[in-house]
PDB file of N, CA and C in Angstrom:
ATOM      1  N   MET A   1       0.845  -1.175   0.000  1.00  0.00           N
ATOM      2  CA  MET A   1       0.000   0.000   0.000  1.00  0.00           C
ATOM      3  C   MET A   1       0.894   1.243   0.000  1.00  0.00           C
ATOM      4  N   SER A   2       0.572   2.180  -0.847  1.00  0.00           N
ATOM      5  CA  SER A   2       1.419   3.358  -0.953  1.00  0.00           C
ATOM      6  C   SER A   2       1.099   4.354   0.157  1.00  0.00           C
ATOM      7  N   LEU A   3       2.011   5.273   0.369  1.00  0.00           N
ATOM      8  CA  LEU A   3       1.846   6.298   1.404  1.00  0.00           C
ATOM      9  C   LEU A   3       0.676   7.222   1.085  1.00  0.00           C
ATOM     10  N   LEU A   4       0.452   7.508  -0.187  1.00  0.00           N
ATOM     11  CA  LEU A   4      -0.664   8.364  -0.591  1.00  0.00           C
ATOM     12  C   LEU A   4      -2.004   7.708  -0.255  1.00  0.00           C
ATOM     13  N   THR A   5      -2.107   6.410  -0.457  1.00  0.00           N
ATOM     14  CA  THR A   5      -3.341   5.697  -0.132  1.00  0.00           C
ATOM     15  C   THR A   5      -3.618   5.754   1.365  1.00  0.00           C
ATOM     16  N   VAL A   6      -2.592   5.572   2.168  1.00  0.00           N
ATOM     17  CA  VAL A   6      -2.759   5.641   3.626  1.00  0.00           C
ATOM     18  C   VAL A   6      -3.166   7.048   4.033  1.00  0.00           C
ATOM     19  N   PHE A   7      -2.563   8.060   3.434  1.00  0.00           N
ATOM     20  CA  PHE A   7      -2.898   9.456   3.772  1.00  0.00           C
ATOM     21  C   PHE A   7      -4.333   9.789   3.401  1.00  0.00           C
ATOM     22  N   LEU A   8      -4.767   9.346   2.218  1.00  0.00           N
ATOM     23  CA  LEU A   8      -6.134   9.632   1.788  1.00  0.00           C
ATOM     24  C   LEU A   8      -7.156   8.881   2.623  1.00  0.00           C
ATOM     25  N   ALA A   9      -6.809   7.693   3.067  1.00  0.00           N
ATOM     26  CA  ALA A   9      -7.734   6.925   3.909  1.00  0.00           C
ATOM     27  C   ALA A   9      -7.863   7.546   5.289  1.00  0.00           C
ATOM     28  N   ALA A  10      -6.816   8.180   5.793  1.00  0.00           N
ATOM     29  CA  ALA A  10      -6.851   8.792   7.122  1.00  0.00           C
ATOM     30  C   ALA A  10      -7.422  10.198   7.093  1.00  0.00           C
ATOM     31  N   GLY A  11      -7.705  10.749   5.914  1.00  0.00           N
ATOM     32  CA  GLY A  11      -8.212  12.118   5.814  1.00  0.00           C
ATOM     33  C   GLY A  11      -9.500  12.361   6.570  1.00  0.00           C
ATOM     34  N   PRO A  12     -10.550  11.560   6.349  1.00  0.00           N
ATOM     35  CA  PRO A  12     -11.806  11.781   7.083  1.00  0.00           C
ATOM     36  C   PRO A  12     -11.653  11.563   8.578  1.00  0.00           C
ATOM     37  N   ILE A  13     -10.794  10.621   8.971  1.00  0.00           N
ATOM     38  CA  ILE A  13     -10.580  10.374  10.399  1.00  0.00           C
ATOM     39  C   ILE A  13      -9.901  11.579  11.035  1.00  0.00           C
ATOM     40  N   ALA A  14      -8.919  12.148  10.339  1.00  0.00           N
ATOM     41  CA  ALA A  14      -8.235  13.320  10.870  1.00  0.00           C
ATOM     42  C   ALA A  14      -9.182  14.517  10.945  1.00  0.00           C
ATOM     43  N   SER A  15     -10.069  14.644   9.965  1.00  0.00           N
ATOM     44  CA  SER A  15     -11.034  15.743   9.998  1.00  0.00           C
ATOM     45  C   SER A  15     -11.982  15.602  11.176  1.00  0.00           C
ATOM     46  N   ALA A  16     -12.451  14.387  11.422  1.00  0.00           N
ATOM     47  CA  ALA A  16     -13.342  14.169  12.563  1.00  0.00           C
ATOM     48  C   ALA A  16     -12.598  14.412  13.871  1.00  0.00           C
ATOM     49  N   GLY A  17     -11.363  13.974  13.937  1.00  0.00           N
ATOM     50  CA  GLY A  17     -10.566  14.203  15.146  1.00  0.00           C
ATOM     51  C   GLY A  17     -10.313  15.675  15.397  1.00  0.00           C
ATOM     52  N   GLY A  18     -10.059  16.415  14.332  1.00  0.00           N
ATOM     53  CA  GLY A  18      -9.852  17.857  14.481  1.00  0.00           C
ATOM     54  C   GLY A  18     -11.100  18.569  14.948  1.00  0.00           C
ATOM     55  N   ALA A  19     -12.255  18.156  14.406  1.00  0.00           N
ATOM     56  CA  ALA A  19     -13.521  18.772  14.812  1.00  0.00           C
ATOM     57  C   ALA A  19     -13.840  18.446  16.263  1.00  0.00           C
ATOM     58  N   ILE A  20     -13.630  17.214  16.661  1.00  0.00           N
ATOM     59  CA  ILE A  20     -13.884  16.823  18.051  1.00  0.00           C
ATOM     60  C   ILE A  20     -12.923  17.547  18.983  1.00  0.00           C
ATOM     61  N   GLY A  21     -11.669  17.660  18.581  1.00  0.00           N
ATOM     62  CA  GLY A  21     -10.681  18.352  19.406  1.00  0.00           C
ATOM     63  C   GLY A  21     -11.007  19.827  19.577  1.00  0.00           C
ATOM     64  N   ALA A  22     -11.439  20.475  18.508  1.00  0.00           N
ATOM     65  CA  ALA A  22     -11.805  21.893  18.601  1.00  0.00           C
ATOM     66  C   ALA A  22     -13.016  22.075  19.507  1.00  0.00           C
ATOM     67  N   GLY A  23     -13.980  21.174  19.392  1.00  0.00           N
ATOM     68  CA  GLY A  23     -15.163  21.256  20.251  1.00  0.00           C
ATOM     69  C   GLY A  23     -14.822  21.035  21.716  1.00  0.00           C
ATOM     70  N   LEU A  24     -13.969  20.055  21.991  1.00  0.00           N
ATOM     71  CA  LEU A  24     -13.557  19.806  23.373  1.00  0.00           C
ATOM     72  C   LEU A  24     -12.773  20.985  23.948  1.00  0.00           C
ATOM     73  N   ALA A  25     -11.972  21.630  23.119  1.00  0.00           N
ATOM     74  CA  ALA A  25     -11.222  22.793  23.587  1.00  0.00           C
ATOM     75  C   ALA A  25     -12.168  23.926  23.966  1.00  0.00           C
ATOM     76  N   ALA A  26     -13.200  24.144  23.156  1.00  0.00           N
ATOM     77  CA  ALA A  26     -14.169  25.200  23.458  1.00  0.00           C
ATOM     78  C   ALA A  26     -14.951  24.892  24.729  1.00  0.00           C
ATOM     79  N   VAL A  27     -15.376  23.642  24.876  1.00  0.00           N
ATOM     80  CA  VAL A  27     -16.126  23.249  26.072  1.00  0.00           C
ATOM     81  C   VAL A  27     -15.235  23.356  27.311  1.00  0.00           C
ATOM     82  N   GLY A  28     -14.009  22.884  27.198  1.00  0.00           N
ATOM     83  CA  GLY A  28     -13.076  22.958  28.322  1.00  0.00           C
ATOM     84  C   GLY A  28     -12.791  24.384  28.749  1.00  0.00           C
ATOM     85  N   ALA A  29     -12.645  25.275  27.780  1.00  0.00           N
ATOM     86  CA  ALA A  29     -12.408  26.681  28.106  1.00  0.00           C
ATOM     87  C   ALA A  29     -13.624  27.294  28.795  1.00  0.00           C
ATOM     88  N   GLY A  30     -14.804  26.940  28.329  1.00  0.00           N
ATOM     89  CA  GLY A  30     -16.021  27.450  28.967  1.00  0.00           C
ATOM     90  C   GLY A  30     -16.137  26.995  30.409  1.00  0.00           C
ATOM     91  N   ILE A  31     -15.854  25.725  30.652  1.00  0.00           N
ATOM     92  CA  ILE A  31     -15.894  25.209  32.022  1.00  0.00           C
ATOM     93  C   ILE A  31     -14.829  25.875  32.877  1.00  0.00           C
ATOM     94  N   GLY A  32     -13.631  26.022  32.328  1.00  0.00           N
ATOM     95  CA  GLY A  32     -12.541  26.644  33.081  1.00  0.00           C
ATOM     96  C   GLY A  32     -12.823  28.086  33.447  1.00  0.00           C
ATOM     97  N   ILE A  33     -13.339  28.855  32.519  1.00  0.00           N
ATOM     98  CA  ILE A  33     -13.641  30.255  32.804  1.00  0.00           C
ATOM     99  C   ILE A  33     -14.797  30.356  33.791  1.00  0.00           C
ATOM    100  N   GLY A  34     -15.749  29.430  33.718  1.00  0.00           N
ATOM    101  CA  GLY A  34     -16.823  29.395  34.702  1.00  0.00           C
ATOM    102  C   GLY A  34     -16.297  29.132  36.106  1.00  0.00           C
ATOM    103  N   GLN A  35     -15.334  28.224  36.213  1.00  0.00           N
ATOM    104  CA  GLN A  35     -14.736  27.945  37.519  1.00  0.00           C
ATOM    105  C   GLN A  35     -13.938  29.138  38.037  1.00  0.00           C
ATOM    106  N   ILE A  36     -13.283  29.849  37.142  1.00  0.00           N
ATOM    107  CA  ILE A  36     -12.545  31.049  37.542  1.00  0.00           C
ATOM    108  C   ILE A  36     -13.510  32.102  38.081  1.00  0.00           C
ATOM    109  N   GLY A  37     -14.608  32.318  37.367  1.00  0.00           N
ATOM    110  CA  GLY A  37     -15.609  33.289  37.820  1.00  0.00           C
ATOM    111  C   GLY A  37     -16.230  32.894  39.142  1.00  0.00           C
ATOM    112  N   LYS A  38     -16.525  31.605  39.297  1.00  0.00           N
ATOM    113  CA  LYS A  38     -17.100  31.109  40.551  1.00  0.00           C
ATOM    114  C   LYS A  38     -16.157  31.363  41.720  1.00  0.00           C
ATOM    115  N   GLY A  39     -14.882  31.045  41.521  1.00  0.00           N
ATOM    116  CA  GLY A  39     -13.906  31.255  42.590  1.00  0.00           C
ATOM    117  C   GLY A  39     -13.742  32.729  42.934  1.00  0.00           C
ATOM    118  N   ALA A  40     -13.783  33.576  41.901  1.00  0.00           N
ATOM    119  CA  ALA A  40     -13.625  35.013  42.151  1.00  0.00           C
ATOM    120  C   ALA A  40     -14.818  35.576  42.918  1.00  0.00           C
ATOM    121  N   VAL A  41     -16.015  35.163  42.550  1.00  0.00           N
ATOM    122  CA  VAL A  41     -17.207  35.650  43.251  1.00  0.00           C
ATOM    123  C   VAL A  41     -17.195  35.189  44.705  1.00  0.00           C
ATOM    124  N   GLU A  42     -16.798  33.941  44.948  1.00  0.00           N
ATOM    125  CA  GLU A  42     -16.719  33.450  46.324  1.00  0.00           C
ATOM    126  C   GLU A  42     -15.661  34.208  47.122  1.00  0.00           C
ATOM    127  N   ALA A  43     -14.520  34.491  46.483  1.00  0.00           N
ATOM    128  CA  ALA A  43     -13.462  35.221  47.174  1.00  0.00           C
ATOM    129  C   ALA A  43     -13.888  36.659  47.481  1.00  0.00           C
ATOM    130  N   ILE A  44     -14.589  37.297  46.564  1.00  0.00           N
ATOM    131  CA  ILE A  44     -15.068  38.660  46.804  1.00  0.00           C
ATOM    132  C   ILE A  44     -16.118  38.660  47.906  1.00  0.00           C
ATOM    133  N   ALA A  45     -16.933  37.603  47.960  1.00  0.00           N
ATOM    134  CA  ALA A  45     -17.936  37.515  49.031  1.00  0.00           C
ATOM    135  C   ALA A  45     -17.271  37.374  50.401  1.00  0.00           C
ATOM    136  N   ARG A  46     -16.119  36.692  50.444  1.00  0.00           N
ATOM    137  CA  ARG A  46     -15.409  36.530  51.712  1.00  0.00           C
ATOM    138  C   ARG A  46     -14.639  37.782  52.105  1.00  0.00           C
ATOM    139  N   GLN A  47     -14.045  38.454  51.121  1.00  0.00           N
ATOM    140  CA  GLN A  47     -13.232  39.643  51.392  1.00  0.00           C
ATOM    141  C   GLN A  47     -13.596  40.749  50.411  1.00  0.00           C
ATOM    142  N   PRO A  48     -14.647  41.499  50.691  1.00  0.00           N
ATOM    143  CA  PRO A  48     -15.077  42.552  49.752  1.00  0.00           C
ATOM    144  C   PRO A  48     -14.034  43.652  49.551  1.00  0.00           C
ATOM    145  N   GLU A  49     -13.187  43.875  50.535  1.00  0.00           N
ATOM    146  CA  GLU A  49     -12.190  44.948  50.400  1.00  0.00           C
ATOM    147  C   GLU A  49     -11.104  44.599  49.384  1.00  0.00           C
ATOM    148  N   ALA A  50     -10.958  43.339  49.033  1.00  0.00           N
ATOM    149  CA  ALA A  50      -9.951  42.929  48.061  1.00  0.00           C
ATOM    150  C   ALA A  50     -10.554  42.697  46.677  1.00  0.00           C
ATOM    151  N   SER A  51     -11.720  43.250  46.435  1.00  0.00           N
ATOM    152  CA  SER A  51     -12.424  42.943  45.184  1.00  0.00           C
ATOM    153  C   SER A  51     -11.664  43.411  43.938  1.00  0.00           C
ATOM    154  N   ASN A  52     -10.988  44.558  44.021  1.00  0.00           N
ATOM    155  CA  ASN A  52     -10.260  45.038  42.836  1.00  0.00           C
ATOM    156  C   ASN A  52      -9.103  44.119  42.475  1.00  0.00           C
ATOM    157  N   ASP A  53      -8.360  43.656  43.470  1.00  0.00           N
ATOM    158  CA  ASP A  53      -7.253  42.736  43.201  1.00  0.00           C
ATOM    159  C   ASP A  53      -7.760  41.405  42.669  1.00  0.00           C
ATOM    160  N   ILE A  54      -8.819  40.907  43.268  1.00  0.00           N
ATOM    161  CA  ILE A  54      -9.382  39.625  42.843  1.00  0.00           C
ATOM    162  C   ILE A  54      -9.915  39.735  41.421  1.00  0.00           C
ATOM    163  N   ARG A  55     -10.596  40.814  41.124  1.00  0.00           N
ATOM    164  CA  ARG A  55     -11.163  41.005  39.783  1.00  0.00           C
ATOM    165  C   ARG A  55     -10.056  41.079  38.733  1.00  0.00           C
ATOM    166  N   GLY A  56      -8.985  41.797  39.049  1.00  0.00           N
ATOM    167  CA  GLY A  56      -7.868  41.904  38.100  1.00  0.00           C
ATOM    168  C   GLY A  56      -7.218  40.553  37.831  1.00  0.00           C
ATOM    169  N   ASN A  57      -7.016  39.784  38.904  1.00  0.00           N
ATOM    170  CA  ASN A  57      -6.434  38.447  38.723  1.00  0.00           C
ATOM    171  C   ASN A  57      -7.378  37.526  37.950  1.00  0.00           C
ATOM    172  N   MET A  58      -8.676  37.674  38.186  1.00  0.00           N
ATOM    173  CA  MET A  58      -9.650  36.854  37.473  1.00  0.00           C
ATOM    174  C   MET A  58      -9.601  37.151  35.977  1.00  0.00           C
ATOM    175  N   ILE A  59      -9.551  38.412  35.609  1.00  0.00           N
ATOM    176  CA  ILE A  59      -9.527  38.789  34.193  1.00  0.00           C
ATOM    177  C   ILE A  59      -8.246  38.294  33.522  1.00  0.00           C
ATOM    178  N   LEU A  60      -7.121  38.410  34.217  1.00  0.00           N
ATOM    179  CA  LEU A  60      -5.857  37.938  33.662  1.00  0.00           C
ATOM    180  C   LEU A  60      -5.872  36.425  33.450  1.00  0.00           C
ATOM    181  N   THR A  61      -6.353  35.695  34.435  1.00  0.00           N
ATOM    182  CA  THR A  61      -6.402  34.239  34.322  1.00  0.00           C
ATOM    183  C   THR A  61      -7.377  33.798  33.233  1.00  0.00           C
ATOM    184  N   ALA A  62      -8.525  34.448  33.149  1.00  0.00           N
ATOM    185  CA  ALA A  62      -9.494  34.107  32.105  1.00  0.00           C
ATOM    186  C   ALA A  62      -8.913  34.382  30.714  1.00  0.00           C
ATOM    187  N   ALA A  63      -8.150  35.442  30.587  1.00  0.00           N
ATOM    188  CA  ALA A  63      -7.529  35.744  29.293  1.00  0.00           C
ATOM    189  C   ALA A  63      -6.495  34.684  28.918  1.00  0.00           C
ATOM    190  N   LEU A  64      -5.747  34.189  29.898  1.00  0.00           N
ATOM    191  CA  LEU A  64      -4.779  33.134  29.610  1.00  0.00           C
ATOM    192  C   LEU A  64      -5.477  31.837  29.190  1.00  0.00           C
ATOM    193  N   VAL A  65      -6.573  31.498  29.851  1.00  0.00           N
ATOM    194  CA  VAL A  65      -7.340  30.307  29.468  1.00  0.00           C
ATOM    195  C   VAL A  65      -7.915  30.482  28.067  1.00  0.00           C
ATOM    196  N   GLU A  66      -8.421  31.655  27.797  1.00  0.00           N
ATOM    197  CA  GLU A  66      -8.994  31.941  26.480  1.00  0.00           C
ATOM    198  C   GLU A  66      -7.936  31.829  25.381  1.00  0.00           C
ATOM    199  N   GLY A  67      -6.730  32.304  25.654  1.00  0.00           N
ATOM    200  CA  GLY A  67      -5.648  32.200  24.676  1.00  0.00           C
ATOM    201  C   GLY A  67      -5.248  30.763  24.404  1.00  0.00           C
ATOM    202  N   ALA A  68      -5.156  29.959  25.450  1.00  0.00           N
ATOM    203  CA  ALA A  68      -4.821  28.543  25.268  1.00  0.00           C
ATOM    204  C   ALA A  68      -5.922  27.825  24.497  1.00  0.00           C
ATOM    205  N   ALA A  69      -7.173  28.165  24.785  1.00  0.00           N
ATOM    206  CA  ALA A  69      -8.291  27.542  24.075  1.00  0.00           C
ATOM    207  C   ALA A  69      -8.300  27.947  22.606  1.00  0.00           C
ATOM    208  N   LEU A  70      -8.015  29.203  22.332  1.00  0.00           N
ATOM    209  CA  LEU A  70      -7.966  29.653  20.941  1.00  0.00           C
ATOM    210  C   LEU A  70      -6.877  28.914  20.174  1.00  0.00           C
ATOM    211  N   PHE A  71      -5.729  28.721  20.808  1.00  0.00           N
ATOM    212  CA  PHE A  71      -4.648  27.970  20.182  1.00  0.00           C
ATOM    213  C   PHE A  71      -5.096  26.539  19.882  1.00  0.00           C
ATOM    214  N   ALA A  72      -5.778  25.899  20.837  1.00  0.00           N
ATOM    215  CA  ALA A  72      -6.247  24.524  20.636  1.00  0.00           C
ATOM    216  C   ALA A  72      -7.294  24.442  19.533  1.00  0.00           C
ATOM    217  N   ILE A  73      -8.167  25.426  19.455  1.00  0.00           N
ATOM    218  CA  ILE A  73      -9.190  25.430  18.407  1.00  0.00           C
ATOM    219  C   ILE A  73      -8.546  25.602  17.032  1.00  0.00           C
ATOM    220  N   ILE A  74      -7.555  26.462  16.934  1.00  0.00           N
ATOM    221  CA  ILE A  74      -6.856  26.660  15.657  1.00  0.00           C
ATOM    222  C   ILE A  74      -6.163  25.373  15.238  1.00  0.00           C
ATOM    223  N   VAL A  75      -5.532  24.685  16.183  1.00  0.00           N
ATOM    224  CA  VAL A  75      -4.870  23.413  15.859  1.00  0.00           C
ATOM    225  C   VAL A  75      -5.910  22.394  15.377  1.00  0.00           C
ATOM    226  N   GLY A  76      -7.079  22.357  16.016  1.00  0.00           N
ATOM    227  CA  GLY A  76      -8.139  21.451  15.580  1.00  0.00           C
ATOM    228  C   GLY A  76      -8.618  21.770  14.181  1.00  0.00           C
ATOM    229  N   PHE A  77      -8.785  23.051  13.889  1.00  0.00           N
ATOM    230  CA  PHE A  77      -9.211  23.448  12.546  1.00  0.00           C
ATOM    231  C   PHE A  77      -8.140  23.117  11.501  1.00  0.00           C
ATOM    232  N   LEU A  78      -6.883  23.299  11.859  1.00  0.00           N
ATOM    233  CA  LEU A  78      -5.816  22.953  10.926  1.00  0.00           C
ATOM    234  C   LEU A  78      -5.786  21.457  10.669  1.00  0.00           C
ATOM    235  N   ALA A  79      -6.090  20.661  11.679  1.00  0.00           N
ATOM    236  CA  ALA A  79      -6.131  19.204  11.486  1.00  0.00           C
ATOM    237  C   ALA A  79      -7.244  18.829  10.518  1.00  0.00           C
ATOM    238  N   MET A  80      -8.332  19.603  10.528  1.00  0.00           N
ATOM    239  CA  MET A  80      -9.426  19.315   9.589  1.00  0.00           C
ATOM    240  C   MET A  80      -9.050  19.722   8.170  1.00  0.00           C
ATOM    241  N   VAL A  81      -8.368  20.828   8.028  1.00  0.00           N
ATOM    242  CA  VAL A  81      -8.089  21.375   6.702  1.00  0.00           C
ATOM    243  C   VAL A  81      -6.883  20.697   6.037  1.00  0.00           C
ATOM    244  N   LEU A  82      -5.854  20.478   6.795  1.00  0.00           N
ATOM    245  CA  LEU A  82      -4.627  19.931   6.190  1.00  0.00           C
ATOM    246  C   LEU A  82      -4.591  18.440   6.149  1.00  0.00           C
TER     247      LEU A  82
END
C-alpha cells in the first residue's frame, strides 16, 4: 500500500478528530472560565475589600485560558483542513 493511499484513507478520520478536538477545547475553556468566575465571586464575598485585586487576577487568568483555548481550536481546525 502506498503512502498516498494511507494518507487519503486517514483524511476523514483526521477531519473528525480535528472537529472533536476543537469542540472539546471550546467546552473545556467554557468550564474553566466558569470555575474562575465562581472562585472570584466566592473570594469577593469573603473579602469585599480585596475585590479590585481579585477582579484583576480573574480577568488575567481568564484571558490566559482563552488564549490557550484559541490555540487549541486553531490546531483542531488545521487538522481538519490539512
